[in-house]
C-alpha atoms as a PDB file:
ATOM      1  CA  MET A   1      68.144 117.777-110.951  1.00  0.00           C
ATOM      2  CA  ASN A   2      67.704 113.582-112.858  1.00  0.00           C
ATOM      3  CA  HIS A   3      64.797 112.117-112.788  1.00  0.00           C
ATOM      4  CA  THR A   4      63.769 109.110-112.820  1.00  0.00           C
ATOM      5  CA  ASN A   5      61.184 106.354-114.364  1.00  0.00           C
ATOM      6  CA  ILE A   6      57.941 106.038-112.271  1.00  0.00           C
ATOM      7  CA  LEU A   7      55.746 103.130-112.237  1.00  0.00           C
ATOM      8  CA  VAL A   8      52.324 103.292-111.967  1.00  0.00           C
ATOM      9  CA  CYS A   9      49.294 100.484-110.870  1.00  0.00           C
ATOM     10  CA  ASP A  10      46.343 100.248-109.692  1.00  0.00           C
ATOM     11  CA  LEU A  11      45.598  98.547-106.415  1.00  0.00           C
ATOM     12  CA  GLU A  12      41.920  97.393-105.712  1.00  0.00           C
ATOM     13  CA  GLY A  13      39.838  95.431-104.132  1.00  0.00           C
ATOM     14  CA  THR A  14      35.966  95.248-102.243  1.00  0.00           C
ATOM     15  CA  PHE A  15      36.982  96.165 -98.469  1.00  0.00           C
ATOM     16  CA  ALA A  16      40.279  97.407 -96.802  1.00  0.00           C
ATOM     17  CA  HIS A  17      41.800  97.383 -93.473  1.00  0.00           C
ATOM     18  CA  PHE A  18      44.693  99.987 -92.706  1.00  0.00           C
ATOM     19  CA  ARG A  19      44.989 100.350 -89.296  1.00  0.00           C
ATOM     20  CA  LYS A  20      46.087 103.259 -87.075  1.00  0.00           C
ATOM     21  CA  PHE A  21      48.473 102.943 -85.501  1.00  0.00           C
ATOM     22  CA  TYR A  22      47.947 104.812 -82.309  1.00  0.00           C
ATOM     23  CA  THR A  23      44.673 102.637 -81.961  1.00  0.00           C
ATOM     24  CA  ASN A  24      44.184 100.303 -79.591  1.00  0.00           C
ATOM     25  CA  SER A  25      40.963  98.592 -78.399  1.00  0.00           C
ATOM     26  CA  SER A  26      39.244 100.005 -81.283  1.00  0.00           C
ATOM     27  CA  SER A  27      40.719  98.877 -84.559  1.00  0.00           C
ATOM     28  CA  LEU A  28      40.428 101.950 -87.065  1.00  0.00           C
ATOM     29  CA  SER A  29      41.762 102.118 -90.322  1.00  0.00           C
ATOM     30  CA  TYR A  30      43.001 104.940 -93.364  1.00  0.00           C
ATOM     31  CA  ALA A  31      40.921 105.653 -96.155  1.00  0.00           C
ATOM     32  CA  PHE A  32      43.751 105.177 -98.411  1.00  0.00           C
ATOM     33  CA  PRO A  33      47.775 102.323 -97.690  1.00  0.00           C
ATOM     34  CA  PRO A  34      49.605 105.166 -95.520  1.00  0.00           C
ATOM     35  CA  PRO A  35      53.420 104.613 -97.104  1.00  0.00           C
ATOM     36  CA  THR A  36      54.404 101.867 -94.610  1.00  0.00           C
ATOM     37  CA  THR A  37      51.792  99.747 -96.101  1.00  0.00           C
ATOM     38  CA  ILE A  38      52.560 100.297 -99.125  1.00  0.00           C
ATOM     39  CA  ALA A  39      56.718  99.485 -98.623  1.00  0.00           C
ATOM     40  CA  GLY A  40      54.772  96.192 -97.695  1.00  0.00           C
ATOM     41  CA  LEU A  41      52.519  95.503-100.424  1.00  0.00           C
ATOM     42  CA  VAL A  42      55.458  96.225-102.049  1.00  0.00           C
ATOM     43  CA  ALA A  43      57.829  93.951 -99.844  1.00  0.00           C
ATOM     44  CA  GLY A  44      55.331  91.456-100.547  1.00  0.00           C
ATOM     45  CA  ILE A  45      55.299  90.488-104.083  1.00  0.00           C
ATOM     46  CA  MET A  46      58.934  91.091-103.995  1.00  0.00           C
ATOM     47  CA  GLY A  47      59.392  88.772-101.110  1.00  0.00           C
ATOM     48  CA  ILE A  48      61.319  90.712 -99.296  1.00  0.00           C
ATOM     49  CA  GLU A  49      61.515  89.759 -95.985  1.00  0.00           C
ATOM     50  CA  ARG A  50      59.644  91.067 -93.190  1.00  0.00           C
ATOM     51  CA  ASP A  51      62.972  92.358 -91.167  1.00  0.00           C
ATOM     52  CA  GLN A  52      65.095  94.020 -94.103  1.00  0.00           C
ATOM     53  CA  TYR A  53      62.512  95.702 -96.153  1.00  0.00           C
ATOM     54  CA  TYR A  54      62.205  98.580 -93.780  1.00  0.00           C
ATOM     55  CA  SER A  55      66.301 100.232 -95.094  1.00  0.00           C
ATOM     56  CA  ILE A  56      65.512  98.705 -98.925  1.00  0.00           C
ATOM     57  CA  LEU A  57      62.611 100.580 -98.538  1.00  0.00           C
ATOM     58  CA  SER A  58      63.073 103.796 -96.748  1.00  0.00           C
ATOM     59  CA  GLY A  59      62.268 107.237 -98.158  1.00  0.00           C
ATOM     60  CA  LYS A  60      66.223 107.741 -99.075  1.00  0.00           C
ATOM     61  CA  ASP A  61      65.736 104.856-101.665  1.00  0.00           C
ATOM     62  CA  PHE A  62      62.500 104.160-102.462  1.00  0.00           C
ATOM     63  CA  ARG A  63      59.029 106.678-103.254  1.00  0.00           C
ATOM     64  CA  SER A  64      55.758 106.383-103.277  1.00  0.00           C
ATOM     65  CA  ALA A  65      52.488 108.051-103.538  1.00  0.00           C
ATOM     66  CA  VAL A  66      48.880 107.496-103.849  1.00  0.00           C
ATOM     67  CA  GLU A  67      45.571 108.361-105.851  1.00  0.00           C
ATOM     68  CA  ILE A  68      41.959 107.631-104.318  1.00  0.00           C
ATOM     69  CA  CYS A  69      40.228 106.547-107.974  1.00  0.00           C
ATOM     70  CA  TYR A  70      36.911 106.553-106.560  1.00  0.00           C
ATOM     71  CA  PRO A  71      34.955 107.947-103.412  1.00  0.00           C
ATOM     72  CA  VAL A  72      35.440 106.631-100.038  1.00  0.00           C
ATOM     73  CA  ARG A  73      33.404 105.867 -97.484  1.00  0.00           C
ATOM     74  CA  LYS A  74      33.834 103.805 -93.677  1.00  0.00           C
ATOM     75  CA  LEU A  75      32.076 101.354 -91.850  1.00  0.00           C
ATOM     76  CA  ILE A  76      32.786  99.479 -88.336  1.00  0.00           C
ATOM     77  CA  GLN A  77      31.622  96.019 -87.861  1.00  0.00           C
ATOM     78  CA  THR A  78      31.806  94.447 -84.564  1.00  0.00           C
ATOM     79  CA  VAL A  79      34.591  90.849 -84.681  1.00  0.00           C
ATOM     80  CA  ASN A  80      34.642  88.107 -82.283  1.00  0.00           C
ATOM     81  CA  TYR A  81      38.112  87.574 -80.832  1.00  0.00           C
ATOM     82  CA  VAL A  82      39.750  84.965 -78.991  1.00  0.00           C
ATOM     83  CA  PHE A  83      40.195  86.443 -75.538  1.00  0.00           C
ATOM     84  CA  VAL A  84      43.345  85.578 -74.209  1.00  0.00           C
ATOM     85  CA  THR A  85      45.159  87.185 -71.447  1.00  0.00           C
ATOM     86  CA  SER A  86      48.179  84.246 -71.077  1.00  0.00           C
ATOM     87  CA  LEU A  87      49.245  81.268 -72.853  1.00  0.00           C
ATOM     88  CA  GLY A  88      46.654  79.206 -71.372  1.00  0.00           C
ATOM     89  CA  ASP A  89      43.968  80.690 -72.062  1.00  0.00           C
ATOM     90  CA  VAL A  90      44.437  80.372 -76.287  1.00  0.00           C
ATOM     91  CA  ASN A  91      42.199  76.854 -76.759  1.00  0.00           C
ATOM     92  CA  LYS A  92      39.295  79.734 -75.953  1.00  0.00           C
ATOM     93  CA  VAL A  93      38.541  79.224 -71.981  1.00  0.00           C
ATOM     94  CA  LYS A  94      38.047  82.712 -71.570  1.00  0.00           C
ATOM     95  CA  GLY A  95      35.741  82.320 -74.903  1.00  0.00           C
ATOM     96  CA  SER A  96      36.089  85.434 -77.120  1.00  0.00           C
ATOM     97  CA  THR A  97      35.472  89.706 -77.073  1.00  0.00           C
ATOM     98  CA  GLN A  98      34.417  91.416 -79.002  1.00  0.00           C
ATOM     99  CA  VAL A  99      36.008  94.265 -80.778  1.00  0.00           C
ATOM    100  CA  PRO A 100      35.458  97.587 -83.439  1.00  0.00           C
ATOM    101  CA  PHE A 101      35.820  96.784 -86.808  1.00  0.00           C
ATOM    102  CA  GLU A 102      36.222  99.515 -89.625  1.00  0.00           C
ATOM    103  CA  LEU A 103      36.286  98.634 -92.832  1.00  0.00           C
ATOM    104  CA  VAL A 104      37.295 101.464 -95.855  1.00  0.00           C
ATOM    105  CA  VAL A 105      34.816 100.149 -98.650  1.00  0.00           C
ATOM    106  CA  GLY A 106      33.484 102.050-101.892  1.00  0.00           C
ATOM    107  CA  LYS A 107      30.016 104.891-102.190  1.00  0.00           C
ATOM    108  CA  LYS A 108      27.437 103.753-104.054  1.00  0.00           C
ATOM    109  CA  ILE A 109      27.514 105.220-107.782  1.00  0.00           C
ATOM    110  CA  ASP A 110      23.406 104.891-108.146  1.00  0.00           C
ATOM    111  CA  ASP A 111      20.961 103.108-106.991  1.00  0.00           C
ATOM    112  CA  ASN A 112      21.860  99.681-107.518  1.00  0.00           C
ATOM    113  CA  ILE A 113      25.307  99.894-107.834  1.00  0.00           C
ATOM    114  CA  TYR A 114      27.898 100.626-105.440  1.00  0.00           C
ATOM    115  CA  SER A 115      31.915 101.437-106.191  1.00  0.00           C
ATOM    116  CA  LYS A 116      34.474  99.010-105.378  1.00  0.00           C
ATOM    117  CA  LEU A 117      38.088 100.628-103.983  1.00  0.00           C
ATOM    118  CA  ARG A 118      40.593 101.741-106.487  1.00  0.00           C
ATOM    119  CA  TYR A 119      43.783 103.325-104.989  1.00  0.00           C
ATOM    120  CA  ARG A 120      46.705 104.624-108.427  1.00  0.00           C
ATOM    121  CA  LEU A 121      49.938 103.751-106.966  1.00  0.00           C
ATOM    122  CA  TYR A 122      53.382 105.523-107.789  1.00  0.00           C
ATOM    123  CA  LEU A 123      56.433 104.107-107.585  1.00  0.00           C
ATOM    124  CA  THR A 124      60.590 104.196-108.051  1.00  0.00           C
ATOM    125  CA  HIS A 125      63.098 102.952-106.905  1.00  0.00           C
ATOM    126  CA  ARG A 126      67.045 104.474-106.416  1.00  0.00           C
ATOM    127  CA  ASP A 127      68.527 100.575-107.620  1.00  0.00           C
ATOM    128  CA  LYS A 128      67.937  99.886-110.735  1.00  0.00           C
ATOM    129  CA  LYS A 129      67.399  95.861-109.938  1.00  0.00           C
ATOM    130  CA  ILE A 130      64.809  96.331-107.686  1.00  0.00           C
ATOM    131  CA  TYR A 131      62.921  99.083-110.223  1.00  0.00           C
ATOM    132  CA  THR A 132      63.766  96.438-112.800  1.00  0.00           C
ATOM    133  CA  GLU A 133      62.278  93.779-110.872  1.00  0.00           C
ATOM    134  CA  LEU A 134      58.916  95.068-109.329  1.00  0.00           C
ATOM    135  CA  LYS A 135      58.269  96.280-112.557  1.00  0.00           C
ATOM    136  CA  GLU A 136      58.194  92.784-114.050  1.00  0.00           C
ATOM    137  CA  ARG A 137      56.577  91.395-111.038  1.00  0.00           C
ATOM    138  CA  LEU A 138      53.716  94.070-111.411  1.00  0.00           C
ATOM    139  CA  GLN A 139      53.578  93.300-115.465  1.00  0.00           C
ATOM    140  CA  ASN A 140      53.540  89.582-115.233  1.00  0.00           C
ATOM    141  CA  HIS A 141      51.496  89.547-112.315  1.00  0.00           C
ATOM    142  CA  THR A 142      54.842  86.553-110.279  1.00  0.00           C
ATOM    143  CA  TYR A 143      54.435  88.213-106.690  1.00  0.00           C
ATOM    144  CA  VAL A 144      55.651  85.575-104.404  1.00  0.00           C
ATOM    145  CA  TYR A 145      53.171  86.919-102.174  1.00  0.00           C
ATOM    146  CA  PRO A 146      49.444  88.317-103.287  1.00  0.00           C
ATOM    147  CA  PRO A 147      48.330  91.973-102.376  1.00  0.00           C
ATOM    148  CA  TYR A 148      46.061  92.856 -99.949  1.00  0.00           C
ATOM    149  CA  LEU A 149      44.518  96.047 -98.561  1.00  0.00           C
ATOM    150  CA  GLY A 150      45.737  96.637 -95.881  1.00  0.00           C
ATOM    151  CA  VAL A 151      44.916  92.929 -93.634  1.00  0.00           C
ATOM    152  CA  THR A 152      44.853  89.833 -95.518  1.00  0.00           C
ATOM    153  CA  GLU A 153      40.903  89.077 -95.060  1.00  0.00           C
ATOM    154  CA  CYS A 154      41.083  92.086 -97.393  1.00  0.00           C
ATOM    155  CA  THR A 155      42.798  90.548-100.746  1.00  0.00           C
ATOM    156  CA  GLY A 156      43.516  92.912-103.604  1.00  0.00           C
ATOM    157  CA  LYS A 157      44.061  92.931-107.273  1.00  0.00           C
ATOM    158  CA  LEU A 158      46.962  94.724-108.923  1.00  0.00           C
ATOM    159  CA  THR A 159      47.035  96.517-112.455  1.00  0.00           C
ATOM    160  CA  PHE A 160      49.982  97.821-114.023  1.00  0.00           C
ATOM    161  CA  VAL A 161      49.082 101.039-115.991  1.00  0.00           C
ATOM    162  CA  THR A 162      51.946 102.118-117.542  1.00  0.00           C
ATOM    163  CA  GLU A 163      55.267 102.901-116.969  1.00  0.00           C
ATOM    164  CA  ILE A 164      56.976 106.804-117.017  1.00  0.00           C
ATOM    165  CA  PHE A 165      59.896 107.799-118.132  1.00  0.00           C
ATOM    166  CA  ALA A 166      61.720 110.716-117.025  1.00  0.00           C
ATOM    167  CA  GLU A 167      61.559 112.137-120.105  1.00  0.00           C
ATOM    168  CA  GLN A 168      57.871 112.570-119.811  1.00  0.00           C
ATOM    169  CA  LEU A 169      58.225 114.626-116.067  1.00  0.00           C
ATOM    170  CA  SER A 170      58.104 118.158-115.876  1.00  0.00           C
ATOM    171  CA  ILE A 171      58.346 119.492-112.291  1.00  0.00           C
ATOM    172  CA  ILE A 172      55.520 122.282-111.210  1.00  0.00           C
ATOM    173  CA  PRO A 173      57.554 125.152-109.374  1.00  0.00           C
ATOM    174  CA  PRO A 174      56.440 125.602-105.417  1.00  0.00           C
ATOM    175  CA  GLY A 175      53.809 128.474-104.996  1.00  0.00           C
ATOM    176  CA  GLN A 176      51.579 128.095-108.607  1.00  0.00           C
ATOM    177  CA  LEU A 177      47.681 127.279-108.042  1.00  0.00           C
ATOM    178  CA  VAL A 178      47.646 123.607-108.553  1.00  0.00           C
ATOM    179  CA  THR A 179      45.850 120.423-108.386  1.00  0.00           C
ATOM    180  CA  LEU A 180      46.932 117.734-106.885  1.00  0.00           C
ATOM    181  CA  ASP A 181      45.590 114.209-107.261  1.00  0.00           C
ATOM    182  CA  THR A 182      47.390 112.242-104.804  1.00  0.00           C
ATOM    183  CA  VAL A 183      47.042 112.278-100.957  1.00  0.00           C
ATOM    184  CA  CYS A 184      49.588 115.351 -99.535  1.00  0.00           C
ATOM    185  CA  ASN A 185      50.990 116.406 -96.440  1.00  0.00           C
ATOM    186  CA  VAL A 186      49.923 118.927 -95.443  1.00  0.00           C
ATOM    187  CA  ASP A 187      52.821 120.670 -94.224  1.00  0.00           C
ATOM    188  CA  TYR A 188      52.996 121.289 -98.018  1.00  0.00           C
ATOM    189  CA  ILE A 189      50.393 123.863 -98.655  1.00  0.00           C
ATOM    190  CA  GLU A 190      51.177 126.951 -97.928  1.00  0.00           C
ATOM    191  CA  LYS A 191      49.176 128.444 -95.339  1.00  0.00           C
ATOM    192  CA  GLY A 192      45.360 129.787 -96.670  1.00  0.00           C
ATOM    193  CA  SER A 193      45.457 128.685-100.178  1.00  0.00           C
ATOM    194  CA  LEU A 194      43.326 125.480 -99.753  1.00  0.00           C
ATOM    195  CA  GLU A 195      40.950 126.399-102.434  1.00  0.00           C
ATOM    196  CA  LEU A 196      37.247 125.669-101.041  1.00  0.00           C
ATOM    197  CA  ASN A 197      34.421 126.261-103.852  1.00  0.00           C
ATOM    198  CA  PHE A 198      31.538 125.730-101.841  1.00  0.00           C
ATOM    199  CA  ASP A 199      29.795 124.967-106.175  1.00  0.00           C
ATOM    200  CA  LYS A 200      31.710 121.355-105.664  1.00  0.00           C
ATOM    201  CA  ALA A 201      31.373 120.134-102.628  1.00  0.00           C
ATOM    202  CA  VAL A 202      34.598 119.059-101.816  1.00  0.00           C
ATOM    203  CA  SER A 203      35.783 116.864 -98.481  1.00  0.00           C
ATOM    204  CA  TYR A 204      39.087 117.659 -97.283  1.00  0.00           C
ATOM    205  CA  ILE A 205      40.086 115.087 -94.400  1.00  0.00           C
ATOM    206  CA  LYS A 206      43.032 115.439 -92.426  1.00  0.00           C
ATOM    207  CA  GLU A 207      44.431 112.036 -90.729  1.00  0.00           C
ATOM    208  CA  LEU A 208      48.002 111.428 -88.487  1.00  0.00           C
ATOM    209  CA  VAL A 209      49.692 108.679 -91.281  1.00  0.00           C
ATOM    210  CA  PRO A 210      53.045 106.569 -90.180  1.00  0.00           C
ATOM    211  CA  VAL A 211      55.799 107.009 -93.016  1.00  0.00           C
ATOM    212  CA  GLU A 212      58.552 105.057 -91.899  1.00  0.00           C
ATOM    213  CA  PHE A 213      59.486 102.479 -89.501  1.00  0.00           C
ATOM    214  CA  ASP A 214      62.963 101.704 -88.181  1.00  0.00           C
ATOM    215  CA  GLU A 215      64.164  97.392 -88.749  1.00  0.00           C
ATOM    216  CA  THR A 216      63.324  96.877 -84.914  1.00  0.00           C
ATOM    217  CA  ARG A 217      59.412  98.524 -85.961  1.00  0.00           C
ATOM    218  CA  LEU A 218      59.415 101.035 -83.568  1.00  0.00           C
ATOM    219  CA  LEU A 219      58.231 104.356 -85.769  1.00  0.00           C
ATOM    220  CA  THR A 220      60.583 106.918 -86.637  1.00  0.00           C
ATOM    221  CA  SER A 221      58.709 108.652 -88.797  1.00  0.00           C
ATOM    222  CA  SER A 222      54.538 110.314 -89.067  1.00  0.00           C
ATOM    223  CA  GLY A 223      52.688 113.415 -90.461  1.00  0.00           C
ATOM    224  CA  SER A 224      49.845 115.194 -91.073  1.00  0.00           C
ATOM    225  CA  PHE A 225      48.653 114.296 -95.192  1.00  0.00           C
ATOM    226  CA  VAL A 226      44.915 115.681 -96.341  1.00  0.00           C
ATOM    227  CA  TYR A 227      43.058 113.744 -99.087  1.00  0.00           C
ATOM    228  CA  GLU A 228      39.537 114.573-100.309  1.00  0.00           C
ATOM    229  CA  GLN A 229      37.132 112.028-100.058  1.00  0.00           C
ATOM    230  CA  GLU A 230      35.509 112.435-103.448  1.00  0.00           C
ATOM    231  CA  GLY A 231      38.698 112.141-105.348  1.00  0.00           C
ATOM    232  CA  LYS A 232      38.313 115.288-106.408  1.00  0.00           C
ATOM    233  CA  GLY A 233      42.049 116.153-105.726  1.00  0.00           C
ATOM    234  CA  ILE A 234      43.925 119.756-102.961  1.00  0.00           C
ATOM    235  CA  THR A 235      43.713 122.224-105.599  1.00  0.00           C
ATOM    236  CA  ALA A 236      46.109 124.923-103.537  1.00  0.00           C
ATOM    237  CA  LYS A 237      49.895 126.582-103.490  1.00  0.00           C
ATOM    238  CA  PHE A 238      52.095 124.065-102.081  1.00  0.00           C
ATOM    239  CA  ASN A 239      56.033 125.476-100.795  1.00  0.00           C
ATOM    240  CA  ILE A 240      57.402 122.209-102.821  1.00  0.00           C
ATOM    241  CA  PRO A 241      57.953 120.903-106.578  1.00  0.00           C
ATOM    242  CA  VAL A 242      54.566 119.034-108.092  1.00  0.00           C
ATOM    243  CA  ILE A 243      55.176 116.269-110.506  1.00  0.00           C
ATOM    244  CA  LYS A 244      53.797 116.457-113.264  1.00  0.00           C
ATOM    245  CA  LEU A 245      53.500 113.661-115.939  1.00  0.00           C
ATOM    246  CA  GLN A 246      50.884 112.168-118.352  1.00  0.00           C
ATOM    247  CA  VAL A 247      49.144 108.716-117.286  1.00  0.00           C
ATOM    248  CA  ASN A 248      47.685 106.880-120.388  1.00  0.00           C
ATOM    249  CA  GLY A 249      46.976 110.450-122.356  1.00  0.00           C
ATOM    250  CA  GLU A 250      44.962 111.312-118.842  1.00  0.00           C
ATOM    251  CA  GLU A 251      47.162 114.646-116.916  1.00  0.00           C
ATOM    252  CA  LYS A 252      47.713 114.508-112.815  1.00  0.00           C
ATOM    253  CA  ASN A 253      49.908 116.141-110.689  1.00  0.00           C
ATOM    254  CA  ILE A 254      51.618 113.733-107.159  1.00  0.00           C
ATOM    255  CA  SER A 255      53.233 114.563-104.682  1.00  0.00           C
ATOM    256  CA  TRP A 256      55.267 112.015-102.974  1.00  0.00           C
ATOM    257  CA  LEU A 257      54.290 110.626 -99.527  1.00  0.00           C
ATOM    258  CA  GLN A 258      58.169 110.427 -98.064  1.00  0.00           C
ATOM    259  CA  GLU A 259      60.196 113.865 -97.109  1.00  0.00           C
ATOM    260  CA  VAL A 260      60.506 116.908 -99.850  1.00  0.00           C
ATOM    261  CA  THR A 261      61.450 119.090 -98.701  1.00  0.00           C
ATOM    262  CA  SER A 262      63.253 121.056-102.039  1.00  0.00           C
ATOM    263  CA  TYR A 263      64.262 119.692-105.617  1.00  0.00           C
ATOM    264  CA  GLU A 264      67.811 118.608-104.925  1.00  0.00           C
ATOM    265  CA  ASN A 265      65.642 115.345-102.668  1.00  0.00           C
ATOM    266  CA  LEU A 266      62.158 115.248-105.288  1.00  0.00           C
ATOM    267  CA  PHE A 267      63.679 112.185-106.375  1.00  0.00           C
ATOM    268  CA  PRO A 268      65.633 109.261-104.418  1.00  0.00           C
ATOM    269  CA  TYR A 269      69.396 109.111-104.945  1.00  0.00           C
END
């Protein structure tokens, strides 16, 4: 098994909205950017057209992982939309309709300060040309389209953190008790192994998340993912290899959002 280099960057902002694909009248949000959103973010900063990036950034070539760095919470706001049932309604003749809109925000860290949102993204691509261009754009902030946290109303900031080289990676075999720092597919957790430490007051939350679209924007893959709401990580035994690395001297254990079944497909080739 060969390893590939990994780019590490931080996505920050005050508000986020990562719309759940199965909601209709109410705009509910995931607490973290799903893999489809991360792919769209990468496509935007690289200027890849909307009808082209689904294959370029598919799971066989592109991998991503996301870490929730600060505790998050959700709140509901009501948004006024133009009520439209036909083309003639665009001029607002029918007035507006109110739609619940869920926002992701940071939690209060003391009496006067709320934390910002920060998601640490781990990215890699099989195509060295695409990988190099993405690295240069992240380092130099030369984005074709600015970064957003889900929707254009939630502007974001991308900060390049580091590049992890292949020789700096190590692999933790399946079956070992590990604290995973990133959001994890529930299917990767061995049954009955999730550690519940009531002294730490952990809060595990599971959500159904889209993983990939095809060129026609039809959902081709989804999965149930779990995260710890306070950013404390997920301690369990995993049935897949876990990637261990150092980010500026801090040890991190990550797993990809895209499907991993064995050592052979742990990295895209």
